[in-house]
PDB file of N, CA and C in Angstrom:
ATOM      1  N   UNK A   1       8.317  25.477   3.925  1.00  0.00           N
ATOM      2  CA  UNK A   1       7.910  24.016   3.577  1.00  0.00           C
ATOM      3  C   UNK A   1       7.206  23.185   4.287  1.00  0.00           C
ATOM      4  N   UNK A   2       6.188  22.395   3.614  1.00  0.00           N
ATOM      5  CA  UNK A   2       5.244  22.074   4.283  1.00  0.00           C
ATOM      6  C   UNK A   2       5.842  20.447   4.771  1.00  0.00           C
ATOM      7  N   UNK A   3       5.342  20.291   6.328  1.00  0.00           N
ATOM      8  CA  UNK A   3       6.058  18.712   6.371  1.00  0.00           C
ATOM      9  C   UNK A   3       5.369  17.643   5.601  1.00  0.00           C
ATOM     10  N   UNK A   4       6.573  16.590   4.911  1.00  0.00           N
ATOM     11  CA  UNK A   4       6.254  16.089   4.672  1.00  0.00           C
ATOM     12  C   UNK A   4       5.846  14.490   5.026  1.00  0.00           C
ATOM     13  N   UNK A   5       4.678  13.639   4.357  1.00  0.00           N
ATOM     14  CA  UNK A   5       3.687  12.840   5.072  1.00  0.00           C
ATOM     15  C   UNK A   5       4.293  11.611   4.688  1.00  0.00           C
ATOM     16  N   UNK A   6       4.711  10.771   6.036  1.00  0.00           N
ATOM     17  CA  UNK A   6       5.509   9.294   5.498  1.00  0.00           C
ATOM     18  C   UNK A   6       4.923   8.348   4.517  1.00  0.00           C
ATOM     19  N   UNK A   7       5.221   7.939   3.592  1.00  0.00           N
ATOM     20  CA  UNK A   7       4.750   7.070   2.352  1.00  0.00           C
ATOM     21  C   UNK A   7       3.750   5.773   3.036  1.00  0.00           C
ATOM     22  N   UNK A   8       4.656   4.981   3.943  1.00  0.00           N
ATOM     23  CA  UNK A   8       4.478   3.987   4.382  1.00  0.00           C
ATOM     24  C   UNK A   8       3.276   3.879   5.756  1.00  0.00           C
ATOM     25  N   UNK A   9       2.810   4.848   6.026  1.00  0.00           N
ATOM     26  CA  UNK A   9       1.623   5.406   6.725  1.00  0.00           C
ATOM     27  C   UNK A   9       0.707   4.845   6.131  1.00  0.00           C
ATOM     28  N   UNK A  10       0.398   5.542   4.719  1.00  0.00           N
ATOM     29  CA  UNK A  10      -0.835   5.233   3.940  1.00  0.00           C
ATOM     30  C   UNK A  10      -0.696   3.673   3.000  1.00  0.00           C
ATOM     31  N   UNK A  11       0.340   3.387   3.094  1.00  0.00           N
ATOM     32  CA  UNK A  11       0.117   1.959   2.073  1.00  0.00           C
ATOM     33  C   UNK A  11      -0.096   0.637   3.341  1.00  0.00           C
ATOM     34  N   UNK A  12      -0.208   1.009   4.561  1.00  0.00           N
ATOM     35  CA  UNK A  12      -0.153  -0.170   5.512  1.00  0.00           C
ATOM     36  C   UNK A  12      -1.383  -0.788   5.453  1.00  0.00           C
ATOM     37  N   UNK A  13      -1.993  -1.977   5.685  1.00  0.00           N
ATOM     38  CA  UNK A  13      -3.105  -2.338   5.686  1.00  0.00           C
ATOM     39  C   UNK A  13      -3.906  -2.161   7.095  1.00  0.00           C
ATOM     40  N   UNK A  14      -5.241  -2.264   7.087  1.00  0.00           N
ATOM     41  CA  UNK A  14      -5.918  -1.829   8.609  1.00  0.00           C
ATOM     42  C   UNK A  14      -5.607  -2.978   9.205  1.00  0.00           C
ATOM     43  N   UNK A  15      -5.100  -2.318  10.664  1.00  0.00           N
ATOM     44  CA  UNK A  15      -4.099  -3.360  12.121  1.00  0.00           C
ATOM     45  C   UNK A  15      -5.379  -4.151  12.300  1.00  0.00           C
ATOM     46  N   UNK A  16      -6.787  -3.830  12.121  1.00  0.00           N
ATOM     47  CA  UNK A  16      -7.951  -4.967  12.391  1.00  0.00           C
ATOM     48  C   UNK A  16      -8.482  -6.042  11.288  1.00  0.00           C
ATOM     49  N   UNK A  17      -7.732  -6.155  10.275  1.00  0.00           N
ATOM     50  CA  UNK A  17      -7.731  -6.708   9.072  1.00  0.00           C
ATOM     51  C   UNK A  17      -8.115  -8.298   9.597  1.00  0.00           C
ATOM     52  N   UNK A  18      -9.338  -8.863   9.564  1.00  0.00           N
ATOM     53  CA  UNK A  18      -9.142 -10.499  10.090  1.00  0.00           C
ATOM     54  C   UNK A  18      -9.632 -11.083   8.763  1.00  0.00           C
ATOM     55  N   UNK A  19      -9.155 -12.359   8.801  1.00  0.00           N
ATOM     56  CA  UNK A  19      -9.649 -13.685   7.805  1.00  0.00           C
ATOM     57  C   UNK A  19     -10.151 -14.932   8.936  1.00  0.00           C
ATOM     58  N   UNK A  20     -11.463 -15.324   8.517  1.00  0.00           N
ATOM     59  CA  UNK A  20     -12.381 -16.315   8.861  1.00  0.00           C
ATOM     60  C   UNK A  20     -12.677 -17.400   8.131  1.00  0.00           C
ATOM     61  N   UNK A  21     -12.440 -18.863   8.555  1.00  0.00           N
ATOM     62  CA  UNK A  21     -12.743 -19.876   7.830  1.00  0.00           C
ATOM     63  C   UNK A  21     -14.207 -20.131   8.032  1.00  0.00           C
ATOM     64  N   UNK A  22     -15.410 -19.988   7.130  1.00  0.00           N
ATOM     65  CA  UNK A  22     -16.990 -20.124   7.294  1.00  0.00           C
ATOM     66  C   UNK A  22     -17.497 -21.488   6.813  1.00  0.00           C
ATOM     67  N   UNK A  23     -18.233 -21.817   7.304  1.00  0.00           N
ATOM     68  CA  UNK A  23     -18.825 -23.402   6.906  1.00  0.00           C
ATOM     69  C   UNK A  23     -20.480 -22.631   6.638  1.00  0.00           C
ATOM     70  N   UNK A  24     -20.758 -23.229   5.316  1.00  0.00           N
ATOM     71  CA  UNK A  24     -22.290 -22.840   5.541  1.00  0.00           C
ATOM     72  C   UNK A  24     -23.002 -24.215   6.043  1.00  0.00           C
ATOM     73  N   UNK A  25     -24.460 -24.055   5.604  1.00  0.00           N
ATOM     74  CA  UNK A  25     -25.649 -25.005   5.989  1.00  0.00           C
ATOM     75  C   UNK A  25     -25.152 -26.263   5.028  1.00  0.00           C
ATOM     76  N   UNK A  26     -24.741 -26.156   3.661  1.00  0.00           N
ATOM     77  CA  UNK A  26     -24.704 -27.130   2.594  1.00  0.00           C
ATOM     78  C   UNK A  26     -23.188 -27.805   3.046  1.00  0.00           C
ATOM     79  N   UNK A  27     -22.461 -27.030   3.765  1.00  0.00           N
ATOM     80  CA  UNK A  27     -20.853 -27.781   4.187  1.00  0.00           C
ATOM     81  C   UNK A  27     -19.930 -27.453   3.303  1.00  0.00           C
ATOM     82  N   UNK A  28     -20.154 -26.444   2.611  1.00  0.00           N
ATOM     83  CA  UNK A  28     -19.127 -25.287   1.580  1.00  0.00           C
ATOM     84  C   UNK A  28     -18.185 -24.892   2.349  1.00  0.00           C
ATOM     85  N   UNK A  29     -17.048 -24.897   2.488  1.00  0.00           N
ATOM     86  CA  UNK A  29     -15.976 -23.992   3.059  1.00  0.00           C
ATOM     87  C   UNK A  29     -15.294 -22.922   2.661  1.00  0.00           C
ATOM     88  N   UNK A  30     -15.071 -22.185   3.350  1.00  0.00           N
ATOM     89  CA  UNK A  30     -14.181 -20.528   2.292  1.00  0.00           C
ATOM     90  C   UNK A  30     -13.511 -19.680   3.464  1.00  0.00           C
ATOM     91  N   UNK A  31     -12.455 -19.380   3.053  1.00  0.00           N
ATOM     92  CA  UNK A  31     -11.936 -17.961   3.527  1.00  0.00           C
ATOM     93  C   UNK A  31     -12.545 -16.673   3.418  1.00  0.00           C
ATOM     94  N   UNK A  32     -12.948 -16.067   4.424  1.00  0.00           N
ATOM     95  CA  UNK A  32     -13.389 -14.476   4.291  1.00  0.00           C
ATOM     96  C   UNK A  32     -12.921 -13.962   4.725  1.00  0.00           C
ATOM     97  N   UNK A  33     -13.228 -12.499   4.726  1.00  0.00           N
ATOM     98  CA  UNK A  33     -12.135 -11.035   4.991  1.00  0.00           C
ATOM     99  C   UNK A  33     -13.316 -10.362   6.121  1.00  0.00           C
ATOM    100  N   UNK A  34     -14.360 -10.912   6.127  1.00  0.00           N
ATOM    101  CA  UNK A  34     -15.160 -10.259   6.847  1.00  0.00           C
ATOM    102  C   UNK A  34     -15.787 -11.299   8.121  1.00  0.00           C
ATOM    103  N   UNK A  35     -16.496 -11.068   9.608  1.00  0.00           N
ATOM    104  CA  UNK A  35     -16.874 -11.953  10.564  1.00  0.00           C
ATOM    105  C   UNK A  35     -17.935 -12.435   9.837  1.00  0.00           C
ATOM    106  N   UNK A  36     -18.135 -13.658   9.493  1.00  0.00           N
ATOM    107  CA  UNK A  36     -19.382 -14.327   8.884  1.00  0.00           C
ATOM    108  C   UNK A  36     -20.913 -13.942   9.784  1.00  0.00           C
ATOM    109  N   UNK A  37     -21.792 -13.798   8.672  1.00  0.00           N
ATOM    110  CA  UNK A  37     -23.102 -13.611   9.392  1.00  0.00           C
ATOM    111  C   UNK A  37     -23.669 -14.685  10.521  1.00  0.00           C
ATOM    112  N   UNK A  38     -24.761 -15.046  10.942  1.00  0.00           N
ATOM    113  CA  UNK A  38     -25.446 -16.084  11.572  1.00  0.00           C
ATOM    114  C   UNK A  38     -25.234 -17.232  11.084  1.00  0.00           C
ATOM    115  N   UNK A  39     -25.646 -17.035   9.813  1.00  0.00           N
ATOM    116  CA  UNK A  39     -25.929 -18.453   9.060  1.00  0.00           C
ATOM    117  C   UNK A  39     -24.888 -19.263   8.853  1.00  0.00           C
ATOM    118  N   UNK A  40     -23.939 -18.707   8.913  1.00  0.00           N
ATOM    119  CA  UNK A  40     -22.442 -19.518   8.418  1.00  0.00           C
ATOM    120  C   UNK A  40     -21.856 -19.525  10.077  1.00  0.00           C
ATOM    121  N   UNK A  41     -21.228 -20.938  10.480  1.00  0.00           N
ATOM    122  CA  UNK A  41     -20.333 -21.121  11.196  1.00  0.00           C
ATOM    123  C   UNK A  41     -18.867 -20.957  11.137  1.00  0.00           C
ATOM    124  N   UNK A  42     -18.099 -20.613  12.072  1.00  0.00           N
ATOM    125  CA  UNK A  42     -16.975 -20.097  11.662  1.00  0.00           C
ATOM    126  C   UNK A  42     -16.120 -21.707  12.946  1.00  0.00           C
ATOM    127  N   UNK A  43     -15.053 -21.531  11.851  1.00  0.00           N
ATOM    128  CA  UNK A  43     -14.314 -22.975  11.920  1.00  0.00           C
ATOM    129  C   UNK A  43     -12.832 -22.268  12.385  1.00  0.00           C
ATOM    130  N   UNK A  44     -12.477 -23.329  13.043  1.00  0.00           N
ATOM    131  CA  UNK A  44     -11.044 -22.810  13.891  1.00  0.00           C
ATOM    132  C   UNK A  44     -11.249 -21.694  14.835  1.00  0.00           C
ATOM    133  N   UNK A  45     -10.338 -20.706  14.479  1.00  0.00           N
ATOM    134  CA  UNK A  45     -10.387 -19.466  15.539  1.00  0.00           C
ATOM    135  C   UNK A  45     -11.333 -18.453  15.553  1.00  0.00           C
ATOM    136  N   UNK A  46     -12.301 -18.608  16.329  1.00  0.00           N
ATOM    137  CA  UNK A  46     -13.496 -17.587  16.164  1.00  0.00           C
ATOM    138  C   UNK A  46     -13.420 -16.376  16.083  1.00  0.00           C
ATOM    139  N   UNK A  47     -12.137 -16.032  16.629  1.00  0.00           N
ATOM    140  CA  UNK A  47     -11.645 -14.581  16.697  1.00  0.00           C
ATOM    141  C   UNK A  47     -10.881 -14.123  15.518  1.00  0.00           C
ATOM    142  N   UNK A  48     -10.911 -15.168  14.355  1.00  0.00           N
ATOM    143  CA  UNK A  48     -10.424 -14.671  13.092  1.00  0.00           C
ATOM    144  C   UNK A  48      -8.793 -14.699  13.456  1.00  0.00           C
ATOM    145  N   UNK A  49      -8.080 -15.071  12.115  1.00  0.00           N
ATOM    146  CA  UNK A  49      -6.587 -14.927  11.773  1.00  0.00           C
ATOM    147  C   UNK A  49      -6.186 -13.774  11.175  1.00  0.00           C
ATOM    148  N   UNK A  50      -4.895 -13.509  11.233  1.00  0.00           N
ATOM    149  CA  UNK A  50      -4.418 -12.223  11.339  1.00  0.00           C
ATOM    150  C   UNK A  50      -3.866 -12.217   9.910  1.00  0.00           C
ATOM    151  N   UNK A  51      -3.706 -13.586   8.954  1.00  0.00           N
ATOM    152  CA  UNK A  51      -3.231 -13.660   7.686  1.00  0.00           C
ATOM    153  C   UNK A  51      -3.855 -14.462   7.377  1.00  0.00           C
ATOM    154  N   UNK A  52      -4.058 -14.134   5.542  1.00  0.00           N
ATOM    155  CA  UNK A  52      -4.556 -15.055   4.623  1.00  0.00           C
ATOM    156  C   UNK A  52      -4.001 -16.370   4.746  1.00  0.00           C
ATOM    157  N   UNK A  53      -2.993 -16.655   4.706  1.00  0.00           N
ATOM    158  CA  UNK A  53      -1.897 -17.459   4.873  1.00  0.00           C
ATOM    159  C   UNK A  53      -2.578 -18.489   5.860  1.00  0.00           C
ATOM    160  N   UNK A  54      -2.831 -17.786   7.296  1.00  0.00           N
ATOM    161  CA  UNK A  54      -2.950 -19.095   8.014  1.00  0.00           C
ATOM    162  C   UNK A  54      -4.316 -19.268   8.428  1.00  0.00           C
ATOM    163  N   UNK A  55      -5.357 -18.731   7.650  1.00  0.00           N
ATOM    164  CA  UNK A  55      -6.843 -19.323   7.370  1.00  0.00           C
ATOM    165  C   UNK A  55      -6.818 -20.110   6.766  1.00  0.00           C
ATOM    166  N   UNK A  56      -6.049 -19.982   5.238  1.00  0.00           N
ATOM    167  CA  UNK A  56      -6.070 -21.092   4.388  1.00  0.00           C
ATOM    168  C   UNK A  56      -5.537 -22.417   5.236  1.00  0.00           C
ATOM    169  N   UNK A  57      -4.465 -22.326   6.239  1.00  0.00           N
ATOM    170  CA  UNK A  57      -3.828 -23.506   6.542  1.00  0.00           C
ATOM    171  C   UNK A  57      -5.244 -24.154   7.670  1.00  0.00           C
ATOM    172  N   UNK A  58      -5.836 -23.142   8.355  1.00  0.00           N
ATOM    173  CA  UNK A  58      -6.939 -23.551   9.022  1.00  0.00           C
ATOM    174  C   UNK A  58      -7.888 -24.748   8.220  1.00  0.00           C
ATOM    175  N   UNK A  59      -8.198 -23.649   6.743  1.00  0.00           N
ATOM    176  CA  UNK A  59      -9.289 -24.490   6.104  1.00  0.00           C
ATOM    177  C   UNK A  59      -8.951 -25.672   5.918  1.00  0.00           C
ATOM    178  N   UNK A  60      -7.589 -26.127   5.143  1.00  0.00           N
ATOM    179  CA  UNK A  60      -6.746 -27.459   4.617  1.00  0.00           C
ATOM    180  C   UNK A  60      -7.152 -28.013   6.071  1.00  0.00           C
ATOM    181  N   UNK A  61      -7.081 -27.757   7.257  1.00  0.00           N
ATOM    182  CA  UNK A  61      -6.923 -28.747   8.562  1.00  0.00           C
ATOM    183  C   UNK A  61      -8.259 -29.142   8.664  1.00  0.00           C
ATOM    184  N   UNK A  62      -9.386 -28.326   8.314  1.00  0.00           N
ATOM    185  CA  UNK A  62     -11.067 -28.226   8.542  1.00  0.00           C
ATOM    186  C   UNK A  62     -11.649 -29.575   7.448  1.00  0.00           C
ATOM    187  N   UNK A  63     -10.708 -29.761   6.455  1.00  0.00           N
ATOM    188  CA  UNK A  63     -11.385 -30.824   5.194  1.00  0.00           C
ATOM    189  C   UNK A  63     -12.620 -31.672   5.604  1.00  0.00           C
ATOM    190  N   UNK A  64     -12.061 -32.036   6.771  1.00  0.00           N
ATOM    191  CA  UNK A  64     -13.136 -33.119   7.329  1.00  0.00           C
ATOM    192  C   UNK A  64     -14.392 -32.637   7.277  1.00  0.00           C
ATOM    193  N   UNK A  65     -14.440 -31.391   7.719  1.00  0.00           N
ATOM    194  CA  UNK A  65     -16.042 -30.639   8.551  1.00  0.00           C
ATOM    195  C   UNK A  65     -16.383 -30.406   6.725  1.00  0.00           C
ATOM    196  N   UNK A  66     -15.815 -30.110   5.783  1.00  0.00           N
ATOM    197  CA  UNK A  66     -16.193 -29.705   4.400  1.00  0.00           C
ATOM    198  C   UNK A  66     -16.965 -30.368   3.601  1.00  0.00           C
ATOM    199  N   UNK A  67     -17.571 -30.101   2.692  1.00  0.00           N
ATOM    200  CA  UNK A  67     -17.862 -30.975   1.997  1.00  0.00           C
ATOM    201  C   UNK A  67     -16.771 -31.382   0.568  1.00  0.00           C
ATOM    202  N   UNK A  68     -17.017 -32.801   0.488  1.00  0.00           N
ATOM    203  CA  UNK A  68     -15.643 -33.437  -0.189  1.00  0.00           C
ATOM    204  C   UNK A  68     -16.117 -32.559  -1.729  1.00  0.00           C
ATOM    205  N   UNK A  69     -15.106 -32.064  -2.342  1.00  0.00           N
ATOM    206  CA  UNK A  69     -14.969 -32.060  -3.942  1.00  0.00           C
ATOM    207  C   UNK A  69     -14.581 -33.002  -4.661  1.00  0.00           C
ATOM    208  N   UNK A  70     -14.951 -33.512  -5.814  1.00  0.00           N
ATOM    209  CA  UNK A  70     -13.988 -34.513  -6.588  1.00  0.00           C
ATOM    210  C   UNK A  70     -13.194 -33.872  -7.330  1.00  0.00           C
ATOM    211  N   UNK A  71     -11.960 -34.302  -7.641  1.00  0.00           N
ATOM    212  CA  UNK A  71     -10.928 -34.068  -8.347  1.00  0.00           C
ATOM    213  C   UNK A  71     -10.043 -33.248  -7.435  1.00  0.00           C
TER     214      UNK A  71
END
């Protein structure tokens, strides 16, 4: 009988997944899944956030640096 594979090992996300809050030259901010290129500024933790929720929280806290949108 062949050894069984653990299904949980194949469904786990990569341990190195990071999320960044990026600011472009115009002042638009967004959460991105990869380290921003040189043309974007990282806001908050320059090492990235472990979860999307943490990055979104940092984005909300950085709204003074981001372009204000009406509505």
